[in-house]
Every structure is written in structure tokens, then in C-alpha cells.
N, C-alpha and C. Protein backbone atom coordinates (compact mmCIF):
# COMPACT_ATOMS: atom_id res chain seq x y z
N MET A 1 6.49 -27.27 7.09
CA MET A 1 5.77 -26.65 8.20
C MET A 1 6.65 -25.58 8.80
N LEU A 2 6.11 -24.41 8.94
CA LEU A 2 6.84 -23.32 9.57
C LEU A 2 6.39 -23.17 11.00
N TYR A 3 7.33 -23.10 11.91
CA TYR A 3 7.03 -22.94 13.33
C TYR A 3 7.30 -21.48 13.73
N GLY A 4 6.39 -20.92 14.49
CA GLY A 4 6.60 -19.60 15.08
C GLY A 4 6.66 -18.47 14.09
N ARG A 5 6.07 -18.61 12.96
CA ARG A 5 6.13 -17.53 11.93
C ARG A 5 4.73 -17.01 11.63
N ASP A 6 3.88 -16.93 12.66
CA ASP A 6 2.49 -16.50 12.46
C ASP A 6 2.42 -15.09 11.86
N ALA A 7 3.19 -14.15 12.38
CA ALA A 7 3.12 -12.77 11.90
C ALA A 7 3.60 -12.68 10.45
N GLU A 8 4.67 -13.36 10.14
CA GLU A 8 5.18 -13.32 8.77
C GLU A 8 4.22 -14.00 7.79
N ARG A 9 3.65 -15.15 8.19
CA ARG A 9 2.68 -15.83 7.30
C ARG A 9 1.44 -14.97 7.11
N ALA A 10 1.00 -14.30 8.19
CA ALA A 10 -0.17 -13.43 8.07
C ALA A 10 0.09 -12.29 7.09
N ALA A 11 1.28 -11.72 7.15
CA ALA A 11 1.65 -10.64 6.21
C ALA A 11 1.69 -11.16 4.78
N ILE A 12 2.25 -12.35 4.58
CA ILE A 12 2.33 -12.92 3.24
C ILE A 12 0.90 -13.28 2.75
N ASP A 13 0.11 -13.89 3.61
CA ASP A 13 -1.27 -14.24 3.22
C ASP A 13 -2.05 -12.97 2.88
N GLY A 14 -1.85 -11.91 3.63
CA GLY A 14 -2.53 -10.65 3.34
C GLY A 14 -2.14 -10.11 1.99
N LEU A 15 -0.86 -10.18 1.68
CA LEU A 15 -0.39 -9.72 0.34
C LEU A 15 -0.97 -10.58 -0.79
N LEU A 16 -0.99 -11.88 -0.60
CA LEU A 16 -1.54 -12.77 -1.64
C LEU A 16 -3.04 -12.53 -1.81
N ASP A 17 -3.75 -12.28 -0.74
CA ASP A 17 -5.20 -11.98 -0.82
C ASP A 17 -5.39 -10.66 -1.55
N GLN A 18 -4.57 -9.71 -1.25
CA GLN A 18 -4.62 -8.40 -1.92
C GLN A 18 -4.43 -8.54 -3.43
N VAL A 19 -3.46 -9.37 -3.82
CA VAL A 19 -3.16 -9.59 -5.23
C VAL A 19 -4.32 -10.34 -5.91
N ALA A 20 -4.89 -11.33 -5.21
CA ALA A 20 -6.04 -12.03 -5.76
C ALA A 20 -7.18 -11.09 -6.01
N GLY A 21 -7.25 -10.01 -5.23
CA GLY A 21 -8.29 -8.99 -5.40
C GLY A 21 -7.95 -7.92 -6.43
N GLY A 22 -6.77 -8.01 -7.05
CA GLY A 22 -6.42 -7.11 -8.13
C GLY A 22 -5.44 -6.00 -7.78
N ALA A 23 -5.00 -5.93 -6.54
CA ALA A 23 -4.05 -4.89 -6.13
C ALA A 23 -2.76 -5.55 -5.67
N GLY A 24 -1.62 -5.04 -6.11
CA GLY A 24 -0.36 -5.63 -5.79
C GLY A 24 0.38 -4.98 -4.65
N GLY A 25 1.59 -5.46 -4.45
CA GLY A 25 2.42 -4.89 -3.40
C GLY A 25 3.70 -5.70 -3.23
N CYS A 26 4.51 -5.27 -2.29
CA CYS A 26 5.80 -5.90 -2.05
C CYS A 26 6.10 -5.97 -0.57
N LEU A 27 6.68 -7.09 -0.17
CA LEU A 27 7.22 -7.24 1.18
C LEU A 27 8.71 -7.54 1.06
N VAL A 28 9.50 -6.90 1.89
CA VAL A 28 10.95 -7.19 1.94
C VAL A 28 11.21 -7.91 3.24
N LEU A 29 11.58 -9.18 3.18
CA LEU A 29 11.92 -9.98 4.34
C LEU A 29 13.41 -9.82 4.59
N ARG A 30 13.72 -9.25 5.75
CA ARG A 30 15.12 -8.96 6.02
C ARG A 30 15.54 -9.65 7.31
N GLY A 31 16.68 -10.31 7.27
CA GLY A 31 17.16 -10.97 8.47
C GLY A 31 18.52 -11.61 8.24
N GLU A 32 19.08 -12.13 9.28
CA GLU A 32 20.41 -12.73 9.20
C GLU A 32 20.38 -14.06 8.47
N PRO A 33 21.52 -14.60 8.07
CA PRO A 33 21.56 -15.86 7.36
C PRO A 33 20.97 -16.99 8.20
N GLY A 34 20.18 -17.86 7.55
CA GLY A 34 19.63 -19.03 8.21
C GLY A 34 18.42 -18.77 9.09
N ILE A 35 17.89 -17.57 9.09
CA ILE A 35 16.81 -17.19 10.00
C ILE A 35 15.44 -17.68 9.51
N GLY A 36 15.32 -18.06 8.21
CA GLY A 36 14.04 -18.56 7.73
C GLY A 36 13.43 -17.79 6.56
N LYS A 37 14.18 -16.88 5.97
CA LYS A 37 13.65 -16.09 4.84
C LYS A 37 13.29 -16.97 3.66
N THR A 38 14.18 -17.88 3.30
CA THR A 38 13.94 -18.76 2.15
C THR A 38 12.72 -19.67 2.43
N ALA A 39 12.58 -20.15 3.65
CA ALA A 39 11.44 -20.95 4.02
C ALA A 39 10.13 -20.16 3.87
N LEU A 40 10.16 -18.89 4.20
CA LEU A 40 8.99 -18.05 4.03
C LEU A 40 8.65 -17.84 2.54
N LEU A 41 9.67 -17.73 1.72
CA LEU A 41 9.44 -17.64 0.28
C LEU A 41 8.79 -18.93 -0.22
N GLY A 42 9.25 -20.07 0.29
CA GLY A 42 8.67 -21.34 -0.08
C GLY A 42 7.21 -21.43 0.39
N TYR A 43 6.93 -20.92 1.56
CA TYR A 43 5.53 -20.88 2.05
C TYR A 43 4.69 -20.06 1.08
N ALA A 44 5.20 -18.91 0.65
CA ALA A 44 4.44 -18.04 -0.27
C ALA A 44 4.17 -18.78 -1.57
N ALA A 45 5.16 -19.47 -2.09
CA ALA A 45 4.97 -20.20 -3.34
C ALA A 45 3.89 -21.25 -3.21
N GLU A 46 3.86 -21.95 -2.09
CA GLU A 46 2.84 -22.98 -1.87
C GLU A 46 1.45 -22.36 -1.69
N ALA A 47 1.39 -21.19 -1.06
CA ALA A 47 0.11 -20.55 -0.79
C ALA A 47 -0.45 -19.79 -1.98
N ALA A 48 0.35 -19.63 -3.02
CA ALA A 48 -0.03 -18.81 -4.17
C ALA A 48 -0.90 -19.59 -5.17
N THR A 49 -1.97 -20.18 -4.68
CA THR A 49 -2.85 -21.01 -5.51
C THR A 49 -3.37 -20.22 -6.71
N GLY A 50 -3.18 -20.82 -7.89
CA GLY A 50 -3.70 -20.17 -9.11
C GLY A 50 -2.86 -19.01 -9.62
N MET A 51 -1.75 -18.72 -8.98
CA MET A 51 -0.91 -17.62 -9.41
C MET A 51 0.25 -18.14 -10.26
N PHE A 52 0.76 -17.25 -11.09
CA PHE A 52 1.96 -17.56 -11.88
C PHE A 52 3.14 -17.15 -11.02
N VAL A 53 3.96 -18.13 -10.62
CA VAL A 53 5.08 -17.85 -9.70
C VAL A 53 6.38 -17.78 -10.48
N LEU A 54 7.06 -16.65 -10.34
CA LEU A 54 8.36 -16.40 -10.92
C LEU A 54 9.39 -16.35 -9.79
N ARG A 55 10.54 -17.00 -10.00
CA ARG A 55 11.56 -17.04 -8.95
C ARG A 55 12.92 -16.62 -9.49
N THR A 56 13.67 -16.02 -8.63
CA THR A 56 15.05 -15.72 -8.90
C THR A 56 15.82 -15.64 -7.58
N ALA A 57 17.11 -15.58 -7.69
CA ALA A 57 17.94 -15.40 -6.51
C ALA A 57 19.22 -14.70 -6.92
N GLY A 58 19.68 -13.80 -6.07
CA GLY A 58 20.99 -13.21 -6.28
C GLY A 58 22.06 -14.24 -6.04
N VAL A 59 23.09 -14.21 -6.85
CA VAL A 59 24.20 -15.14 -6.72
C VAL A 59 25.47 -14.31 -6.68
N GLU A 60 26.24 -14.46 -5.61
CA GLU A 60 27.43 -13.60 -5.43
C GLU A 60 28.34 -13.55 -6.64
N PRO A 61 28.68 -14.68 -7.30
CA PRO A 61 29.58 -14.57 -8.47
C PRO A 61 28.99 -13.79 -9.63
N GLU A 62 27.64 -13.62 -9.69
CA GLU A 62 27.00 -12.88 -10.74
C GLU A 62 26.63 -11.45 -10.34
N SER A 63 27.06 -11.06 -9.16
CA SER A 63 26.64 -9.75 -8.66
C SER A 63 27.17 -8.57 -9.46
N ASP A 64 28.19 -8.80 -10.28
CA ASP A 64 28.72 -7.75 -11.16
C ASP A 64 28.23 -7.86 -12.59
N LEU A 65 27.36 -8.80 -12.88
CA LEU A 65 26.79 -9.00 -14.23
C LEU A 65 25.46 -8.28 -14.30
N GLY A 66 25.40 -7.18 -15.00
CA GLY A 66 24.19 -6.39 -15.08
C GLY A 66 22.98 -7.19 -15.55
N TYR A 67 21.91 -7.13 -14.78
CA TYR A 67 20.63 -7.75 -15.05
C TYR A 67 20.62 -9.26 -15.02
N ALA A 68 21.66 -9.88 -14.44
CA ALA A 68 21.70 -11.34 -14.34
C ALA A 68 20.55 -11.90 -13.51
N THR A 69 20.26 -11.28 -12.40
CA THR A 69 19.17 -11.75 -11.53
C THR A 69 17.83 -11.51 -12.17
N LEU A 70 17.67 -10.40 -12.85
CA LEU A 70 16.44 -10.09 -13.54
C LEU A 70 16.20 -11.08 -14.68
N HIS A 71 17.28 -11.46 -15.35
CA HIS A 71 17.20 -12.43 -16.45
C HIS A 71 16.56 -13.72 -15.98
N ARG A 72 17.02 -14.21 -14.81
CA ARG A 72 16.46 -15.46 -14.27
C ARG A 72 15.00 -15.30 -13.91
N LEU A 73 14.62 -14.14 -13.36
CA LEU A 73 13.22 -13.92 -12.96
C LEU A 73 12.29 -13.89 -14.20
N LEU A 74 12.69 -13.19 -15.22
CA LEU A 74 11.82 -12.95 -16.37
C LEU A 74 11.92 -14.02 -17.45
N ARG A 75 12.85 -14.93 -17.33
CA ARG A 75 13.06 -15.93 -18.40
C ARG A 75 11.78 -16.65 -18.82
N PRO A 76 10.90 -17.05 -17.88
CA PRO A 76 9.65 -17.71 -18.32
C PRO A 76 8.73 -16.79 -19.15
N LEU A 77 9.00 -15.51 -19.17
CA LEU A 77 8.15 -14.57 -19.90
C LEU A 77 8.82 -14.08 -21.21
N PHE A 78 9.94 -14.65 -21.58
CA PHE A 78 10.66 -14.17 -22.77
C PHE A 78 9.80 -14.19 -24.02
N ASP A 79 8.88 -15.14 -24.12
CA ASP A 79 8.06 -15.21 -25.34
C ASP A 79 7.09 -14.02 -25.44
N ARG A 80 6.97 -13.23 -24.38
CA ARG A 80 6.06 -12.07 -24.38
C ARG A 80 6.79 -10.74 -24.64
N ILE A 81 8.11 -10.77 -24.64
CA ILE A 81 8.86 -9.53 -24.79
C ILE A 81 8.48 -8.78 -26.06
N ASP A 82 8.26 -9.50 -27.14
CA ASP A 82 7.93 -8.85 -28.42
C ASP A 82 6.55 -8.17 -28.41
N THR A 83 5.72 -8.48 -27.42
CA THR A 83 4.39 -7.84 -27.33
C THR A 83 4.45 -6.47 -26.67
N LEU A 84 5.59 -6.14 -26.08
CA LEU A 84 5.74 -4.83 -25.42
C LEU A 84 5.90 -3.72 -26.46
N PRO A 85 5.64 -2.48 -26.05
CA PRO A 85 5.91 -1.36 -26.97
C PRO A 85 7.38 -1.41 -27.44
N GLY A 86 7.62 -1.02 -28.66
CA GLY A 86 8.92 -1.14 -29.29
C GLY A 86 10.13 -0.79 -28.44
N PRO A 87 10.17 0.43 -27.86
CA PRO A 87 11.36 0.80 -27.07
C PRO A 87 11.57 -0.11 -25.87
N GLN A 88 10.48 -0.54 -25.22
CA GLN A 88 10.60 -1.45 -24.07
C GLN A 88 11.09 -2.83 -24.50
N SER A 89 10.49 -3.34 -25.58
CA SER A 89 10.91 -4.62 -26.12
C SER A 89 12.39 -4.61 -26.47
N LEU A 90 12.83 -3.55 -27.12
CA LEU A 90 14.23 -3.45 -27.51
C LEU A 90 15.14 -3.35 -26.27
N ALA A 91 14.71 -2.59 -25.27
CA ALA A 91 15.49 -2.46 -24.05
C ALA A 91 15.77 -3.83 -23.40
N LEU A 92 14.71 -4.63 -23.22
CA LEU A 92 14.89 -5.95 -22.63
C LEU A 92 15.66 -6.85 -23.59
N GLY A 93 15.39 -6.73 -24.87
CA GLY A 93 16.10 -7.53 -25.86
C GLY A 93 17.60 -7.28 -25.80
N VAL A 94 17.99 -6.04 -25.64
CA VAL A 94 19.42 -5.69 -25.60
C VAL A 94 20.06 -6.19 -24.31
N VAL A 95 19.44 -5.94 -23.16
CA VAL A 95 20.08 -6.34 -21.90
C VAL A 95 20.13 -7.85 -21.74
N PHE A 96 19.21 -8.57 -22.39
CA PHE A 96 19.22 -10.03 -22.30
C PHE A 96 19.91 -10.68 -23.48
N GLY A 97 20.57 -9.89 -24.33
CA GLY A 97 21.33 -10.43 -25.45
C GLY A 97 20.46 -11.02 -26.56
N ARG A 98 19.24 -10.60 -26.65
CA ARG A 98 18.33 -11.10 -27.70
C ARG A 98 18.24 -10.12 -28.87
N ALA A 99 18.85 -8.94 -28.68
CA ALA A 99 18.82 -7.93 -29.75
C ALA A 99 20.12 -7.12 -29.63
N SER A 100 20.51 -6.48 -30.72
CA SER A 100 21.72 -5.66 -30.66
C SER A 100 21.32 -4.21 -30.59
N GLY A 101 22.21 -3.43 -30.01
CA GLY A 101 21.97 -2.00 -29.89
C GLY A 101 22.75 -1.45 -28.72
N PRO A 102 22.71 -0.15 -28.53
CA PRO A 102 23.40 0.46 -27.39
C PRO A 102 22.72 0.09 -26.09
N ALA A 103 23.47 0.17 -25.01
CA ALA A 103 22.90 -0.12 -23.70
C ALA A 103 21.71 0.81 -23.46
N PRO A 104 20.55 0.25 -23.12
CA PRO A 104 19.35 1.07 -22.93
C PRO A 104 19.38 1.81 -21.60
N ASP A 105 18.57 2.82 -21.54
CA ASP A 105 18.38 3.59 -20.30
C ASP A 105 17.81 2.66 -19.24
N ARG A 106 18.30 2.76 -18.02
CA ARG A 106 17.84 1.88 -16.93
C ARG A 106 16.38 2.07 -16.63
N PHE A 107 15.89 3.31 -16.78
CA PHE A 107 14.46 3.55 -16.58
C PHE A 107 13.63 2.74 -17.56
N LEU A 108 14.06 2.69 -18.81
CA LEU A 108 13.35 1.95 -19.84
C LEU A 108 13.32 0.45 -19.53
N VAL A 109 14.41 -0.08 -19.03
CA VAL A 109 14.45 -1.50 -18.64
C VAL A 109 13.49 -1.75 -17.49
N ALA A 110 13.49 -0.89 -16.49
CA ALA A 110 12.59 -1.04 -15.36
C ALA A 110 11.14 -0.94 -15.82
N LEU A 111 10.83 0.02 -16.68
CA LEU A 111 9.48 0.18 -17.19
C LEU A 111 9.06 -1.06 -17.99
N ALA A 112 9.96 -1.59 -18.79
CA ALA A 112 9.65 -2.78 -19.57
C ALA A 112 9.42 -3.97 -18.65
N THR A 113 10.14 -4.07 -17.56
CA THR A 113 9.91 -5.13 -16.58
C THR A 113 8.52 -5.04 -15.99
N LEU A 114 8.13 -3.84 -15.61
CA LEU A 114 6.78 -3.62 -15.08
C LEU A 114 5.72 -3.98 -16.12
N SER A 115 5.93 -3.57 -17.34
CA SER A 115 4.98 -3.85 -18.43
C SER A 115 4.86 -5.37 -18.67
N LEU A 116 5.99 -6.06 -18.65
CA LEU A 116 6.02 -7.49 -18.86
C LEU A 116 5.26 -8.23 -17.76
N LEU A 117 5.48 -7.85 -16.52
CA LEU A 117 4.78 -8.46 -15.42
C LEU A 117 3.28 -8.14 -15.48
N SER A 118 2.95 -6.93 -15.87
CA SER A 118 1.54 -6.54 -16.03
C SER A 118 0.86 -7.35 -17.11
N GLU A 119 1.57 -7.57 -18.23
CA GLU A 119 1.04 -8.42 -19.32
C GLU A 119 0.72 -9.81 -18.81
N ALA A 120 1.64 -10.40 -18.06
CA ALA A 120 1.42 -11.76 -17.55
C ALA A 120 0.27 -11.77 -16.54
N ALA A 121 0.16 -10.71 -15.73
CA ALA A 121 -0.86 -10.64 -14.71
C ALA A 121 -2.24 -10.40 -15.28
N ALA A 122 -2.32 -10.00 -16.55
CA ALA A 122 -3.65 -9.86 -17.19
C ALA A 122 -4.32 -11.22 -17.33
N GLU A 123 -3.52 -12.29 -17.37
CA GLU A 123 -4.07 -13.65 -17.49
C GLU A 123 -4.35 -14.25 -16.11
N ARG A 124 -3.42 -14.10 -15.18
CA ARG A 124 -3.60 -14.56 -13.80
C ARG A 124 -2.60 -13.83 -12.93
N PRO A 125 -2.92 -13.67 -11.63
CA PRO A 125 -2.03 -12.95 -10.73
C PRO A 125 -0.62 -13.52 -10.74
N VAL A 126 0.35 -12.66 -10.51
CA VAL A 126 1.75 -13.04 -10.55
C VAL A 126 2.39 -12.87 -9.18
N LEU A 127 3.21 -13.82 -8.78
CA LEU A 127 4.00 -13.73 -7.56
C LEU A 127 5.47 -13.81 -7.97
N CYS A 128 6.22 -12.78 -7.64
CA CYS A 128 7.68 -12.73 -7.89
C CYS A 128 8.41 -12.98 -6.59
N LEU A 129 9.25 -13.99 -6.56
CA LEU A 129 10.02 -14.32 -5.37
C LEU A 129 11.50 -14.06 -5.69
N VAL A 130 12.11 -13.22 -4.86
CA VAL A 130 13.52 -12.85 -5.07
C VAL A 130 14.27 -13.19 -3.80
N ASP A 131 15.07 -14.23 -3.84
CA ASP A 131 15.86 -14.64 -2.69
C ASP A 131 17.27 -14.09 -2.80
N ASP A 132 17.90 -13.90 -1.67
CA ASP A 132 19.27 -13.39 -1.60
C ASP A 132 19.49 -12.14 -2.44
N ALA A 133 18.56 -11.20 -2.30
CA ALA A 133 18.61 -9.96 -3.06
C ALA A 133 19.89 -9.17 -2.75
N HIS A 134 20.48 -9.39 -1.63
CA HIS A 134 21.75 -8.70 -1.28
C HIS A 134 22.88 -9.10 -2.22
N TRP A 135 22.76 -10.22 -2.93
CA TRP A 135 23.77 -10.64 -3.89
C TRP A 135 23.36 -10.30 -5.33
N ALA A 136 22.21 -9.73 -5.52
CA ALA A 136 21.77 -9.39 -6.89
C ALA A 136 22.60 -8.22 -7.42
N ASP A 137 22.71 -8.15 -8.74
CA ASP A 137 23.41 -7.06 -9.39
C ASP A 137 22.65 -5.74 -9.20
N ALA A 138 23.37 -4.64 -9.19
CA ALA A 138 22.76 -3.33 -8.94
C ALA A 138 21.66 -2.96 -9.94
N PRO A 139 21.81 -3.20 -11.25
CA PRO A 139 20.73 -2.86 -12.14
C PRO A 139 19.44 -3.63 -11.88
N THR A 140 19.55 -4.90 -11.48
CA THR A 140 18.37 -5.68 -11.15
C THR A 140 17.72 -5.12 -9.92
N VAL A 141 18.49 -4.82 -8.89
CA VAL A 141 17.93 -4.29 -7.64
C VAL A 141 17.18 -2.99 -7.93
N ALA A 142 17.78 -2.13 -8.74
CA ALA A 142 17.11 -0.85 -9.09
C ALA A 142 15.83 -1.10 -9.88
N ALA A 143 15.85 -2.00 -10.83
CA ALA A 143 14.66 -2.29 -11.63
C ALA A 143 13.56 -2.87 -10.77
N LEU A 144 13.89 -3.80 -9.91
CA LEU A 144 12.87 -4.43 -9.06
C LEU A 144 12.32 -3.44 -8.05
N ALA A 145 13.14 -2.56 -7.49
CA ALA A 145 12.63 -1.52 -6.59
C ALA A 145 11.66 -0.60 -7.32
N PHE A 146 12.01 -0.21 -8.53
CA PHE A 146 11.13 0.62 -9.36
C PHE A 146 9.78 -0.07 -9.55
N VAL A 147 9.83 -1.35 -9.95
CA VAL A 147 8.60 -2.12 -10.16
C VAL A 147 7.78 -2.23 -8.87
N ALA A 148 8.45 -2.58 -7.78
CA ALA A 148 7.78 -2.81 -6.50
C ALA A 148 7.00 -1.59 -6.06
N ARG A 149 7.50 -0.40 -6.34
CA ARG A 149 6.83 0.84 -5.93
C ARG A 149 5.64 1.19 -6.81
N ARG A 150 5.39 0.40 -7.86
CA ARG A 150 4.32 0.73 -8.82
C ARG A 150 3.32 -0.42 -8.96
N LEU A 151 3.20 -1.27 -7.97
CA LEU A 151 2.36 -2.42 -8.05
C LEU A 151 0.95 -2.23 -7.49
N ALA A 152 0.65 -1.09 -6.95
CA ALA A 152 -0.65 -0.89 -6.27
C ALA A 152 -1.83 -1.23 -7.15
N ASP A 153 -1.75 -0.98 -8.43
CA ASP A 153 -2.88 -1.23 -9.33
C ASP A 153 -2.68 -2.45 -10.22
N GLU A 154 -1.72 -3.28 -9.89
CA GLU A 154 -1.42 -4.46 -10.69
C GLU A 154 -1.59 -5.72 -9.83
N PRO A 155 -2.15 -6.81 -10.36
CA PRO A 155 -2.25 -8.03 -9.55
C PRO A 155 -0.91 -8.79 -9.55
N VAL A 156 0.10 -8.10 -9.02
CA VAL A 156 1.45 -8.63 -8.95
C VAL A 156 1.95 -8.47 -7.51
N ALA A 157 2.42 -9.55 -6.90
CA ALA A 157 3.04 -9.50 -5.58
C ALA A 157 4.51 -9.77 -5.72
N MET A 158 5.29 -9.11 -4.91
CA MET A 158 6.74 -9.34 -4.91
C MET A 158 7.20 -9.55 -3.48
N LEU A 159 7.91 -10.64 -3.27
CA LEU A 159 8.54 -10.91 -1.98
C LEU A 159 10.05 -10.93 -2.20
N VAL A 160 10.74 -10.13 -1.44
CA VAL A 160 12.19 -9.99 -1.60
C VAL A 160 12.84 -10.39 -0.27
N ALA A 161 13.75 -11.33 -0.27
CA ALA A 161 14.47 -11.74 0.91
C ALA A 161 15.91 -11.24 0.82
N ALA A 162 16.37 -10.61 1.89
CA ALA A 162 17.72 -10.06 1.87
C ALA A 162 18.29 -10.02 3.27
N ARG A 163 19.62 -10.08 3.32
CA ARG A 163 20.33 -9.85 4.58
C ARG A 163 20.53 -8.36 4.71
N GLY A 164 20.66 -7.94 5.93
CA GLY A 164 20.91 -6.51 6.14
C GLY A 164 22.35 -6.18 6.38
N ASP A 165 23.19 -7.22 6.55
CA ASP A 165 24.55 -6.97 7.01
C ASP A 165 25.66 -7.26 6.00
N GLU A 166 25.33 -7.77 4.82
CA GLU A 166 26.37 -8.02 3.84
C GLU A 166 25.82 -7.92 2.43
N GLY A 167 26.71 -7.90 1.48
CA GLY A 167 26.26 -7.80 0.07
C GLY A 167 25.80 -6.39 -0.24
N ARG A 168 25.02 -6.27 -1.28
CA ARG A 168 24.51 -4.99 -1.76
C ARG A 168 23.29 -4.59 -0.93
N PRO A 169 23.24 -3.35 -0.44
CA PRO A 169 22.06 -2.94 0.31
C PRO A 169 20.83 -2.92 -0.62
N VAL A 170 19.70 -3.34 -0.08
CA VAL A 170 18.44 -3.35 -0.85
C VAL A 170 17.62 -2.17 -0.38
N ASP A 171 17.38 -1.24 -1.29
CA ASP A 171 16.64 -0.03 -0.99
C ASP A 171 15.17 -0.35 -0.76
N THR A 172 14.65 -0.10 0.44
CA THR A 172 13.26 -0.42 0.75
C THR A 172 12.41 0.84 0.91
N ALA A 173 12.90 1.98 0.45
CA ALA A 173 12.10 3.22 0.59
C ALA A 173 10.76 3.03 -0.14
N GLY A 174 9.69 3.28 0.58
CA GLY A 174 8.36 3.17 0.01
C GLY A 174 7.82 1.74 0.00
N LEU A 175 8.58 0.78 0.55
CA LEU A 175 8.14 -0.63 0.60
C LEU A 175 7.96 -1.06 2.03
N ILE A 176 7.28 -2.17 2.21
CA ILE A 176 7.05 -2.70 3.57
C ILE A 176 8.22 -3.63 3.91
N ASP A 177 8.96 -3.23 4.93
CA ASP A 177 10.11 -4.02 5.40
C ASP A 177 9.63 -4.89 6.55
N LEU A 178 9.78 -6.20 6.40
CA LEU A 178 9.31 -7.16 7.41
C LEU A 178 10.53 -7.87 7.99
N PRO A 179 10.98 -7.46 9.17
CA PRO A 179 12.13 -8.11 9.78
C PRO A 179 11.79 -9.55 10.17
N VAL A 180 12.73 -10.46 9.87
CA VAL A 180 12.59 -11.86 10.25
C VAL A 180 13.60 -12.11 11.37
N VAL A 181 13.08 -12.45 12.54
CA VAL A 181 13.96 -12.62 13.72
C VAL A 181 13.89 -14.08 14.16
N GLY A 182 14.67 -14.39 15.20
CA GLY A 182 14.73 -15.74 15.72
C GLY A 182 13.40 -16.21 16.26
N LEU A 183 13.23 -17.52 16.36
CA LEU A 183 12.03 -18.11 16.88
C LEU A 183 11.96 -17.94 18.39
N ASP A 184 10.72 -17.85 18.89
CA ASP A 184 10.54 -17.82 20.34
C ASP A 184 10.86 -19.19 20.87
N PRO A 185 11.11 -19.35 22.18
CA PRO A 185 11.52 -20.65 22.72
C PRO A 185 10.56 -21.80 22.43
N ALA A 186 9.25 -21.56 22.50
CA ALA A 186 8.27 -22.63 22.27
C ALA A 186 8.32 -23.11 20.81
N ALA A 187 8.46 -22.20 19.88
CA ALA A 187 8.52 -22.56 18.46
C ALA A 187 9.84 -23.27 18.18
N ALA A 188 10.92 -22.85 18.80
CA ALA A 188 12.20 -23.50 18.59
C ALA A 188 12.15 -24.92 19.12
N GLU A 189 11.52 -25.15 20.27
CA GLU A 189 11.39 -26.51 20.83
C GLU A 189 10.56 -27.38 19.89
N ALA A 190 9.46 -26.82 19.36
CA ALA A 190 8.59 -27.59 18.45
C ALA A 190 9.36 -27.98 17.20
N LEU A 191 10.18 -27.07 16.70
CA LEU A 191 10.98 -27.35 15.49
C LEU A 191 12.00 -28.46 15.76
N LEU A 192 12.66 -28.39 16.90
CA LEU A 192 13.65 -29.39 17.24
C LEU A 192 13.01 -30.75 17.53
N ALA A 193 11.78 -30.79 17.94
CA ALA A 193 11.10 -32.03 18.26
C ALA A 193 10.61 -32.79 17.00
N CYS A 194 10.56 -32.11 15.85
CA CYS A 194 10.04 -32.80 14.68
C CYS A 194 11.12 -33.58 13.95
């Protein structure tokens, strides 16, 4: 049960309704540690009835490993990589160690990520949850930002939770930034009473 998060839940519900209608989008939940971002991602996962939910989280020790966070997000879709156009399939294959070759262009990896999510969304809407994005590796952050800006015509929703004061900055240009702030006194009392 979330207390005092009516505005945030309404924004999440609106995004999920939008995706159920065939149009995607992204919300970036930004706030200090312990403020409730992860709880809001959990709310979204529970509310995503009938959707394919993909989850990942940035992990500080892996923040220098290229595409580590993306690997965790897309792992449930690995069996679909071979259905992508050849260059895109090879790009993901190389960065995930499933194929050999030179390091692919970052644009191609981002495009392949979008294509893979689009393929999955052709069967049922997709919800991507990215927690602790401030600890994600830079190539993942760039790929996910690229994807997030191109979801308008895809039944794919992305929720990204990040701190604003530490770790890697998460570029929200062109995305909806939803600040998560402290609870009002009544909600705080209700939370403490349970």
C-alpha cells in the first residue's frame, strides 16, 4: 500500500492506460534515496495487468561494464534476438557475448533494443522498469534514453527511477521527469500507523 502518492500513481496509471491503448512513453522518477521510487516501480508492476514486465537495476560495481544493466533488462528476450534484422541481431549478440565481432556502433545497439522491445510488444504490451538508473553503465543509459524517446507509436512503457545527486546523471531531455518528494504529514502518519 502506498500512502500519499496519488499524483505519482495517477501518472503511472495514465502511462499504463496509454500503453494498453497502443501508444508508449516514459516516466523518469527522480528523488533522494529512500523516498519511495522503488515502491512506485513495484506499484507499476502490480498494476501492469496483462503486460510483459521486464526489470533491471543499475548496480554500482557494474557501472563500468558496458551494457550490463541492459543485459539484465533484455535477458528474458534473448530467444528473440535472432529474429531481428542481421546487423541489429549481430550488434546485440556481440555486446552480450553471444557472437564474436568488433564492438558495434552504439546507435545500432540502441536501435536493436527498440526493435526487440517492439517485437515483444507485438504480442502484448511491455513495461520496462529500470531502478537505480544513476548506477547504470553509460552505454545502457544512452540506449534506454534513445528507446524512451521513440516509444510514442509502440505499446511499450518505461519507468526509470534515479537519484539526482549521485552516480551517473540520467539524461531526461524529451522525457517526462516526475519528481518524487517526501510525504505530506497526514500520509506520513498513516504510514507510521500501519
